[in-house]
Amino acid sequence: MSSRIKITLSDDIAARLDELAAASGQPVARVAGQMVRDGLGKLAAAARGNGSAPADELTITRAPWLEPYGGDREWRQFMWGSILALCGRYPDELKGLKQGWWTDESQVETLCAFAHWRQMLDDGGRDPRDELDFQLNVVEFGRRLKQAGGGVTKEWTPGVIPDEWR
């Protein structure tokens, strides 16, 4: 079950929320709802003694493979490098990427998730089934890229981060 609520924000907070929503391409209500859910989750964790942040110092975070709310240049640079490394490591599987893939939110999120997953496996993977699962998923993603085709769309050649993704 879910409930709708109405909240009142100061003009400066409302403007900041509008900026965050615009930067993420999401409706204001969705961003605000996620922020409230995240904040309440952190409060509950802090109350149980499981949270690392004091309840009065809440920050809104997202999954590490998703760009932080409001955008983050350093995150984009890091993820671009991680995706380049991923493409270098799995060139056959990811050769179906087309020029401009970074403008497709679904492909960006998928590639960032793969890059993060790969890093987690490299940094401390303990179960070979996790590696096998990763490999199967990369192959399946590559198969979907190949099936999507692209007609006249040019195949992407990994390189310098494009201006529109900086």
N, C-alpha and C. Protein backbone atom coordinates (compact mmCIF):
# COMPACT_ATOMS: atom_id res chain seq x y z
N MET A 1 0.85 -1.18 0.00
CA MET A 1 0.00 0.00 0.00
C MET A 1 0.89 1.23 0.00
N SER A 2 0.45 2.28 -0.63
CA SER A 2 1.21 3.53 -0.66
C SER A 2 0.27 4.68 -0.36
N SER A 3 0.86 5.79 0.04
CA SER A 3 0.09 6.98 0.38
C SER A 3 0.67 8.18 -0.34
N ARG A 4 -0.20 9.10 -0.69
CA ARG A 4 0.24 10.38 -1.25
C ARG A 4 0.23 11.40 -0.13
N ILE A 5 1.25 12.23 -0.12
CA ILE A 5 1.31 13.31 0.86
C ILE A 5 1.66 14.60 0.14
N LYS A 6 1.36 15.69 0.77
CA LYS A 6 1.73 17.00 0.23
C LYS A 6 2.67 17.63 1.25
N ILE A 7 3.80 18.15 0.75
CA ILE A 7 4.74 18.80 1.65
C ILE A 7 4.99 20.21 1.16
N THR A 8 5.37 21.06 2.08
CA THR A 8 5.69 22.44 1.76
C THR A 8 7.19 22.63 1.93
N LEU A 9 7.82 23.21 0.91
CA LEU A 9 9.25 23.45 0.94
C LEU A 9 9.53 24.93 0.78
N SER A 10 10.61 25.38 1.36
CA SER A 10 11.02 26.77 1.14
C SER A 10 11.37 26.93 -0.33
N ASP A 11 11.35 28.17 -0.82
CA ASP A 11 11.64 28.42 -2.23
C ASP A 11 13.00 27.91 -2.65
N ASP A 12 14.02 28.10 -1.79
CA ASP A 12 15.36 27.66 -2.17
C ASP A 12 15.47 26.13 -2.22
N ILE A 13 14.81 25.44 -1.29
CA ILE A 13 14.82 23.97 -1.31
C ILE A 13 14.03 23.46 -2.51
N ALA A 14 12.90 24.07 -2.81
CA ALA A 14 12.10 23.67 -3.96
C ALA A 14 12.88 23.88 -5.26
N ALA A 15 13.61 24.98 -5.35
CA ALA A 15 14.42 25.24 -6.54
C ALA A 15 15.51 24.19 -6.68
N ARG A 16 16.13 23.81 -5.58
CA ARG A 16 17.18 22.77 -5.61
C ARG A 16 16.58 21.44 -6.05
N LEU A 17 15.41 21.12 -5.55
CA LEU A 17 14.73 19.88 -5.94
C LEU A 17 14.42 19.90 -7.43
N ASP A 18 13.96 21.04 -7.94
CA ASP A 18 13.71 21.18 -9.38
C ASP A 18 14.99 20.93 -10.18
N GLU A 19 16.11 21.46 -9.70
CA GLU A 19 17.40 21.27 -10.39
C GLU A 19 17.80 19.80 -10.40
N LEU A 20 17.64 19.15 -9.25
CA LEU A 20 17.99 17.73 -9.16
C LEU A 20 17.13 16.90 -10.11
N ALA A 21 15.84 17.20 -10.15
CA ALA A 21 14.93 16.46 -11.01
C ALA A 21 15.28 16.69 -12.48
N ALA A 22 15.54 17.92 -12.84
CA ALA A 22 15.88 18.24 -14.23
C ALA A 22 17.18 17.54 -14.63
N ALA A 23 18.16 17.55 -13.74
CA ALA A 23 19.45 16.93 -14.04
C ALA A 23 19.32 15.42 -14.19
N SER A 24 18.41 14.80 -13.45
CA SER A 24 18.25 13.35 -13.54
C SER A 24 17.24 12.94 -14.60
N GLY A 25 16.52 13.93 -15.16
CA GLY A 25 15.52 13.61 -16.18
C GLY A 25 14.29 12.93 -15.61
N GLN A 26 14.07 13.10 -14.33
CA GLN A 26 12.94 12.46 -13.65
C GLN A 26 11.96 13.52 -13.19
N PRO A 27 10.69 13.15 -13.02
CA PRO A 27 9.73 14.11 -12.47
C PRO A 27 10.12 14.51 -11.04
N VAL A 28 9.77 15.71 -10.66
CA VAL A 28 10.09 16.22 -9.32
C VAL A 28 9.53 15.29 -8.25
N ALA A 29 8.30 14.85 -8.42
CA ALA A 29 7.67 14.00 -7.41
C ALA A 29 8.43 12.69 -7.22
N ARG A 30 8.95 12.14 -8.31
CA ARG A 30 9.69 10.87 -8.20
C ARG A 30 10.99 11.08 -7.44
N VAL A 31 11.70 12.15 -7.76
CA VAL A 31 12.96 12.44 -7.08
C VAL A 31 12.70 12.72 -5.59
N ALA A 32 11.68 13.52 -5.32
CA ALA A 32 11.35 13.85 -3.92
C ALA A 32 10.96 12.59 -3.16
N GLY A 33 10.16 11.74 -3.78
CA GLY A 33 9.75 10.49 -3.14
C GLY A 33 10.93 9.61 -2.82
N GLN A 34 11.88 9.49 -3.77
CA GLN A 34 13.06 8.67 -3.53
C GLN A 34 13.91 9.25 -2.41
N MET A 35 14.01 10.58 -2.37
CA MET A 35 14.79 11.22 -1.31
C MET A 35 14.17 10.97 0.05
N VAL A 36 12.85 11.05 0.13
CA VAL A 36 12.16 10.79 1.40
C VAL A 36 12.37 9.33 1.82
N ARG A 37 12.19 8.39 0.86
CA ARG A 37 12.39 6.97 1.19
C ARG A 37 13.81 6.71 1.66
N ASP A 38 14.80 7.27 0.94
CA ASP A 38 16.20 7.08 1.33
C ASP A 38 16.46 7.66 2.72
N GLY A 39 15.97 8.86 2.95
CA GLY A 39 16.18 9.52 4.24
C GLY A 39 15.55 8.75 5.39
N LEU A 40 14.33 8.27 5.19
CA LEU A 40 13.67 7.49 6.24
C LEU A 40 14.38 6.17 6.48
N GLY A 41 14.89 5.57 5.41
CA GLY A 41 15.65 4.33 5.57
C GLY A 41 16.91 4.55 6.39
N LYS A 42 17.58 5.67 6.15
CA LYS A 42 18.79 5.99 6.92
C LYS A 42 18.45 6.32 8.37
N LEU A 43 17.36 7.01 8.57
CA LEU A 43 16.93 7.29 9.95
C LEU A 43 16.66 6.00 10.70
N ALA A 44 15.96 5.07 10.05
CA ALA A 44 15.64 3.79 10.69
C ALA A 44 16.91 3.02 11.00
N ALA A 45 17.87 3.02 10.07
CA ALA A 45 19.13 2.32 10.29
C ALA A 45 19.91 2.96 11.44
N ALA A 46 19.92 4.29 11.47
CA ALA A 46 20.62 4.99 12.55
C ALA A 46 19.97 4.71 13.90
N ALA A 47 18.65 4.64 13.91
CA ALA A 47 17.94 4.36 15.16
C ALA A 47 18.25 2.95 15.66
N ARG A 48 18.46 2.01 14.73
CA ARG A 48 18.80 0.64 15.12
C ARG A 48 20.28 0.49 15.43
N GLY A 49 21.04 1.54 15.17
CA GLY A 49 22.47 1.47 15.40
C GLY A 49 23.23 0.86 14.23
N ASN A 50 22.56 0.69 13.09
CA ASN A 50 23.21 0.09 11.92
C ASN A 50 23.73 1.12 10.94
N GLY A 51 23.33 2.36 11.13
CA GLY A 51 23.71 3.39 10.16
C GLY A 51 25.04 4.00 10.52
N SER A 52 25.78 4.41 9.51
CA SER A 52 27.06 5.04 9.78
C SER A 52 26.92 6.55 9.92
N ALA A 53 25.84 7.10 9.36
CA ALA A 53 25.64 8.54 9.43
C ALA A 53 24.66 8.87 10.54
N PRO A 54 24.95 9.90 11.33
CA PRO A 54 23.98 10.32 12.34
C PRO A 54 22.69 10.75 11.67
N ALA A 55 21.59 10.59 12.36
CA ALA A 55 20.28 10.88 11.81
C ALA A 55 20.15 12.33 11.36
N ASP A 56 20.91 13.24 11.98
CA ASP A 56 20.78 14.65 11.60
C ASP A 56 21.72 15.04 10.46
N GLU A 57 22.48 14.09 9.92
CA GLU A 57 23.38 14.37 8.81
C GLU A 57 23.08 13.47 7.63
N LEU A 58 21.82 13.44 7.24
CA LEU A 58 21.41 12.58 6.14
C LEU A 58 21.85 13.15 4.80
N THR A 59 22.34 12.30 3.94
CA THR A 59 22.63 12.67 2.56
C THR A 59 21.89 11.69 1.67
N ILE A 60 21.54 12.13 0.51
CA ILE A 60 20.81 11.29 -0.42
C ILE A 60 21.81 10.64 -1.36
N THR A 61 21.83 9.34 -1.39
CA THR A 61 22.73 8.61 -2.26
C THR A 61 21.95 7.68 -3.17
N ARG A 62 22.58 7.30 -4.23
CA ARG A 62 22.01 6.34 -5.17
C ARG A 62 22.95 5.16 -5.27
N ALA A 63 22.50 4.13 -5.94
CA ALA A 63 23.36 3.00 -6.21
C ALA A 63 24.62 3.52 -6.92
N PRO A 64 25.78 2.96 -6.62
CA PRO A 64 27.02 3.52 -7.17
C PRO A 64 27.13 3.46 -8.69
N TRP A 65 26.36 2.63 -9.34
CA TRP A 65 26.40 2.58 -10.81
C TRP A 65 25.44 3.57 -11.44
N LEU A 66 24.68 4.31 -10.64
CA LEU A 66 23.79 5.35 -11.14
C LEU A 66 24.40 6.72 -10.82
N GLU A 67 24.28 7.63 -11.76
CA GLU A 67 24.83 8.97 -11.54
C GLU A 67 24.15 9.63 -10.35
N PRO A 68 24.92 10.24 -9.46
CA PRO A 68 24.32 10.92 -8.32
C PRO A 68 23.31 11.98 -8.76
N TYR A 69 22.32 12.21 -7.93
CA TYR A 69 21.32 13.23 -8.21
C TYR A 69 22.02 14.56 -8.45
N GLY A 70 21.58 15.27 -9.45
CA GLY A 70 22.15 16.56 -9.76
C GLY A 70 23.38 16.50 -10.65
N GLY A 71 23.81 15.28 -11.00
CA GLY A 71 24.97 15.13 -11.87
C GLY A 71 26.26 15.20 -11.09
N ASP A 72 27.30 14.61 -11.66
CA ASP A 72 28.59 14.59 -10.99
C ASP A 72 29.67 14.34 -12.04
N ARG A 73 30.46 15.34 -12.32
CA ARG A 73 31.50 15.25 -13.36
C ARG A 73 32.52 14.16 -13.05
N GLU A 74 32.95 14.07 -11.81
CA GLU A 74 33.93 13.05 -11.44
C GLU A 74 33.38 11.66 -11.62
N TRP A 75 32.10 11.45 -11.25
CA TRP A 75 31.46 10.16 -11.43
C TRP A 75 31.45 9.80 -12.91
N ARG A 76 31.09 10.74 -13.78
CA ARG A 76 31.03 10.48 -15.22
C ARG A 76 32.42 10.13 -15.77
N GLN A 77 33.44 10.85 -15.34
CA GLN A 77 34.79 10.56 -15.81
C GLN A 77 35.22 9.17 -15.35
N PHE A 78 34.94 8.84 -14.10
CA PHE A 78 35.30 7.52 -13.58
C PHE A 78 34.56 6.42 -14.33
N MET A 79 33.25 6.61 -14.53
CA MET A 79 32.46 5.58 -15.21
C MET A 79 32.87 5.46 -16.67
N TRP A 80 33.21 6.57 -17.31
CA TRP A 80 33.66 6.50 -18.70
C TRP A 80 34.91 5.62 -18.78
N GLY A 81 35.85 5.85 -17.88
CA GLY A 81 37.06 5.03 -17.84
C GLY A 81 36.75 3.57 -17.55
N SER A 82 35.81 3.34 -16.65
CA SER A 82 35.43 1.97 -16.32
C SER A 82 34.78 1.27 -17.50
N ILE A 83 33.96 2.01 -18.24
CA ILE A 83 33.31 1.43 -19.42
C ILE A 83 34.33 1.17 -20.52
N LEU A 84 35.29 2.07 -20.68
CA LEU A 84 36.37 1.83 -21.65
C LEU A 84 37.12 0.55 -21.29
N ALA A 85 37.43 0.39 -20.01
CA ALA A 85 38.12 -0.82 -19.56
C ALA A 85 37.27 -2.06 -19.81
N LEU A 86 35.98 -1.95 -19.56
CA LEU A 86 35.07 -3.06 -19.79
C LEU A 86 35.06 -3.44 -21.28
N CYS A 87 35.00 -2.44 -22.15
CA CYS A 87 35.01 -2.69 -23.60
C CYS A 87 36.34 -3.28 -24.04
N GLY A 88 37.43 -2.88 -23.39
CA GLY A 88 38.72 -3.46 -23.71
C GLY A 88 38.82 -4.91 -23.27
N ARG A 89 38.16 -5.22 -22.18
CA ARG A 89 38.20 -6.57 -21.64
C ARG A 89 37.23 -7.51 -22.36
N TYR A 90 36.13 -6.96 -22.86
CA TYR A 90 35.11 -7.77 -23.53
C TYR A 90 34.78 -7.17 -24.90
N PRO A 91 35.78 -7.06 -25.77
CA PRO A 91 35.55 -6.38 -27.05
C PRO A 91 34.53 -7.09 -27.95
N ASP A 92 34.54 -8.40 -27.97
CA ASP A 92 33.60 -9.13 -28.83
C ASP A 92 32.17 -8.99 -28.33
N GLU A 93 32.00 -9.06 -27.03
CA GLU A 93 30.66 -8.98 -26.45
C GLU A 93 30.06 -7.58 -26.60
N LEU A 94 30.89 -6.54 -26.54
CA LEU A 94 30.39 -5.16 -26.56
C LEU A 94 30.61 -4.44 -27.88
N LYS A 95 31.00 -5.18 -28.92
CA LYS A 95 31.25 -4.52 -30.21
C LYS A 95 29.97 -4.00 -30.85
N GLY A 96 28.81 -4.39 -30.35
CA GLY A 96 27.54 -3.91 -30.90
C GLY A 96 27.14 -2.54 -30.40
N LEU A 97 27.94 -1.93 -29.51
CA LEU A 97 27.61 -0.57 -29.04
C LEU A 97 27.69 0.40 -30.20
N LYS A 98 26.71 1.27 -30.28
CA LYS A 98 26.64 2.24 -31.38
C LYS A 98 27.08 3.61 -30.90
N GLN A 99 27.55 4.39 -31.83
CA GLN A 99 27.93 5.77 -31.55
C GLN A 99 26.76 6.47 -30.86
N GLY A 100 27.03 7.16 -29.77
CA GLY A 100 25.99 7.89 -29.04
C GLY A 100 25.28 7.06 -27.99
N TRP A 101 25.79 5.88 -27.65
CA TRP A 101 25.14 5.04 -26.64
C TRP A 101 24.94 5.80 -25.33
N TRP A 102 25.80 6.78 -25.04
CA TRP A 102 25.73 7.54 -23.79
C TRP A 102 24.50 8.44 -23.72
N THR A 103 23.77 8.56 -24.80
CA THR A 103 22.52 9.34 -24.76
C THR A 103 21.31 8.45 -24.46
N ASP A 104 21.52 7.15 -24.37
CA ASP A 104 20.46 6.18 -24.07
C ASP A 104 20.58 5.78 -22.60
N GLU A 105 19.69 6.29 -21.78
CA GLU A 105 19.79 6.07 -20.33
C GLU A 105 19.86 4.59 -19.97
N SER A 106 19.10 3.76 -20.66
CA SER A 106 19.11 2.33 -20.38
C SER A 106 20.49 1.72 -20.63
N GLN A 107 21.11 2.09 -21.75
CA GLN A 107 22.44 1.56 -22.03
C GLN A 107 23.48 2.10 -21.06
N VAL A 108 23.36 3.37 -20.71
CA VAL A 108 24.30 3.94 -19.73
C VAL A 108 24.19 3.19 -18.41
N GLU A 109 22.97 3.02 -17.91
CA GLU A 109 22.79 2.34 -16.62
C GLU A 109 23.28 0.90 -16.69
N THR A 110 23.01 0.22 -17.80
CA THR A 110 23.45 -1.17 -17.93
C THR A 110 24.97 -1.26 -17.97
N LEU A 111 25.61 -0.43 -18.77
CA LEU A 111 27.07 -0.46 -18.85
C LEU A 111 27.71 -0.08 -17.52
N CYS A 112 27.15 0.91 -16.84
CA CYS A 112 27.68 1.31 -15.54
C CYS A 112 27.50 0.19 -14.52
N ALA A 113 26.37 -0.50 -14.59
CA ALA A 113 26.14 -1.63 -13.68
C ALA A 113 27.15 -2.75 -13.96
N PHE A 114 27.38 -3.04 -15.25
CA PHE A 114 28.38 -4.05 -15.59
C PHE A 114 29.76 -3.64 -15.10
N ALA A 115 30.13 -2.37 -15.29
CA ALA A 115 31.44 -1.90 -14.85
C ALA A 115 31.58 -2.02 -13.33
N HIS A 116 30.52 -1.65 -12.61
CA HIS A 116 30.56 -1.75 -11.15
C HIS A 116 30.63 -3.22 -10.70
N TRP A 117 29.83 -4.05 -11.33
CA TRP A 117 29.82 -5.49 -11.02
C TRP A 117 31.20 -6.08 -11.26
N ARG A 118 31.83 -5.73 -12.40
CA ARG A 118 33.15 -6.24 -12.73
C ARG A 118 34.15 -5.81 -11.66
N GLN A 119 34.04 -4.55 -11.23
CA GLN A 119 34.96 -4.06 -10.19
C GLN A 119 34.76 -4.83 -8.89
N MET A 120 33.51 -5.08 -8.53
CA MET A 120 33.24 -5.84 -7.30
C MET A 120 33.83 -7.24 -7.39
N LEU A 121 33.70 -7.89 -8.53
CA LEU A 121 34.27 -9.22 -8.71
C LEU A 121 35.79 -9.17 -8.62
N ASP A 122 36.38 -8.20 -9.28
CA ASP A 122 37.84 -8.08 -9.29
C ASP A 122 38.39 -7.75 -7.91
N ASP A 123 37.64 -6.95 -7.16
CA ASP A 123 38.12 -6.50 -5.85
C ASP A 123 37.91 -7.51 -4.73
N GLY A 124 37.05 -8.46 -4.91
CA GLY A 124 36.83 -9.38 -3.79
C GLY A 124 35.87 -10.51 -4.08
N GLY A 125 35.70 -10.86 -5.33
CA GLY A 125 34.82 -11.97 -5.66
C GLY A 125 35.30 -13.24 -4.97
N ARG A 126 34.38 -13.97 -4.40
CA ARG A 126 34.73 -15.19 -3.68
C ARG A 126 34.05 -16.43 -4.26
N ASP A 127 32.98 -16.22 -4.97
CA ASP A 127 32.18 -17.34 -5.46
C ASP A 127 32.27 -17.40 -6.98
N PRO A 128 32.80 -18.48 -7.54
CA PRO A 128 32.93 -18.56 -9.00
C PRO A 128 31.58 -18.48 -9.73
N ARG A 129 30.51 -18.79 -9.04
CA ARG A 129 29.19 -18.66 -9.67
C ARG A 129 28.88 -17.21 -9.99
N ASP A 130 29.40 -16.28 -9.20
CA ASP A 130 29.20 -14.85 -9.49
C ASP A 130 29.91 -14.47 -10.80
N GLU A 131 31.10 -15.00 -10.99
CA GLU A 131 31.84 -14.74 -12.22
C GLU A 131 31.11 -15.33 -13.42
N LEU A 132 30.63 -16.55 -13.28
CA LEU A 132 29.89 -17.19 -14.37
C LEU A 132 28.62 -16.41 -14.70
N ASP A 133 27.95 -15.93 -13.68
CA ASP A 133 26.73 -15.14 -13.88
C ASP A 133 27.06 -13.85 -14.63
N PHE A 134 28.14 -13.19 -14.24
CA PHE A 134 28.56 -11.97 -14.92
C PHE A 134 28.84 -12.26 -16.40
N GLN A 135 29.62 -13.31 -16.65
CA GLN A 135 29.99 -13.64 -18.03
C GLN A 135 28.75 -13.91 -18.89
N LEU A 136 27.82 -14.67 -18.36
CA LEU A 136 26.59 -14.95 -19.10
C LEU A 136 25.81 -13.68 -19.39
N ASN A 137 25.74 -12.79 -18.44
CA ASN A 137 25.00 -11.55 -18.63
C ASN A 137 25.66 -10.62 -19.65
N VAL A 138 26.98 -10.57 -19.66
CA VAL A 138 27.68 -9.74 -20.65
C VAL A 138 27.43 -10.30 -22.05
N VAL A 139 27.48 -11.62 -22.18
CA VAL A 139 27.21 -12.24 -23.48
C VAL A 139 25.78 -11.94 -23.92
N GLU A 140 24.83 -12.05 -23.02
CA GLU A 140 23.43 -11.78 -23.35
C GLU A 140 23.22 -10.32 -23.75
N PHE A 141 23.86 -9.39 -23.04
CA PHE A 141 23.76 -7.98 -23.40
C PHE A 141 24.33 -7.76 -24.79
N GLY A 142 25.47 -8.37 -25.07
CA GLY A 142 26.07 -8.26 -26.40
C GLY A 142 25.15 -8.82 -27.48
N ARG A 143 24.47 -9.91 -27.19
CA ARG A 143 23.54 -10.49 -28.14
C ARG A 143 22.39 -9.53 -28.43
N ARG A 144 21.89 -8.88 -27.37
CA ARG A 144 20.81 -7.90 -27.56
C ARG A 144 21.28 -6.69 -28.36
N LEU A 145 22.50 -6.26 -28.12
CA LEU A 145 23.05 -5.15 -28.91
C LEU A 145 23.12 -5.52 -30.38
N LYS A 146 23.59 -6.73 -30.66
CA LYS A 146 23.72 -7.19 -32.04
C LYS A 146 22.34 -7.30 -32.69
N GLN A 147 21.34 -7.81 -31.95
CA GLN A 147 19.99 -7.95 -32.49
C GLN A 147 19.35 -6.59 -32.77
N ALA A 148 19.66 -5.61 -31.93
CA ALA A 148 19.08 -4.28 -32.11
C ALA A 148 19.58 -3.66 -33.41
N GLY A 149 20.71 -4.13 -33.87
CA GLY A 149 21.23 -3.60 -35.14
C GLY A 149 21.54 -2.13 -35.03
N GLY A 150 20.97 -1.36 -35.90
CA GLY A 150 21.21 0.07 -35.87
C GLY A 150 21.19 0.70 -37.25
N GLY A 151 21.02 -0.12 -38.25
CA GLY A 151 20.94 0.44 -39.59
C GLY A 151 22.18 1.24 -39.94
N VAL A 152 22.00 2.52 -40.17
CA VAL A 152 23.11 3.38 -40.57
C VAL A 152 23.91 3.91 -39.38
N THR A 153 23.44 3.59 -38.17
CA THR A 153 24.15 4.06 -36.99
C THR A 153 25.56 3.45 -36.96
N LYS A 154 26.54 4.28 -36.73
CA LYS A 154 27.93 3.83 -36.73
C LYS A 154 28.26 3.08 -35.45
N GLU A 155 29.11 2.09 -35.61
CA GLU A 155 29.63 1.36 -34.46
C GLU A 155 30.52 2.31 -33.67
N TRP A 156 30.46 2.19 -32.36
CA TRP A 156 31.24 3.06 -31.50
C TRP A 156 32.68 2.57 -31.40
N THR A 157 33.60 3.51 -31.49
CA THR A 157 35.00 3.21 -31.27
C THR A 157 35.38 3.84 -29.93
N PRO A 158 35.76 3.02 -28.94
CA PRO A 158 36.11 3.58 -27.63
C PRO A 158 37.18 4.64 -27.75
N GLY A 159 36.99 5.70 -26.98
CA GLY A 159 37.95 6.79 -27.02
C GLY A 159 37.65 7.84 -25.97
N VAL A 160 37.99 9.06 -26.31
CA VAL A 160 37.87 10.20 -25.40
C VAL A 160 36.40 10.45 -25.05
N ILE A 161 36.17 10.85 -23.83
CA ILE A 161 34.82 11.14 -23.36
C ILE A 161 34.22 12.27 -24.21
N PRO A 162 33.02 12.07 -24.73
CA PRO A 162 32.41 13.12 -25.57
C PRO A 162 31.99 14.34 -24.75
N ASP A 163 32.01 15.50 -25.37
CA ASP A 163 31.65 16.75 -24.69
C ASP A 163 30.28 16.66 -24.03
N GLU A 164 29.31 16.05 -24.72
CA GLU A 164 27.95 16.01 -24.17
C GLU A 164 27.81 15.06 -22.98
N TRP A 165 28.86 14.33 -22.63
CA TRP A 165 28.79 13.45 -21.45
C TRP A 165 29.74 13.89 -20.35
N ARG A 166 30.34 15.05 -20.51
CA ARG A 166 31.28 15.54 -19.49
C ARG A 166 30.56 16.07 -18.29
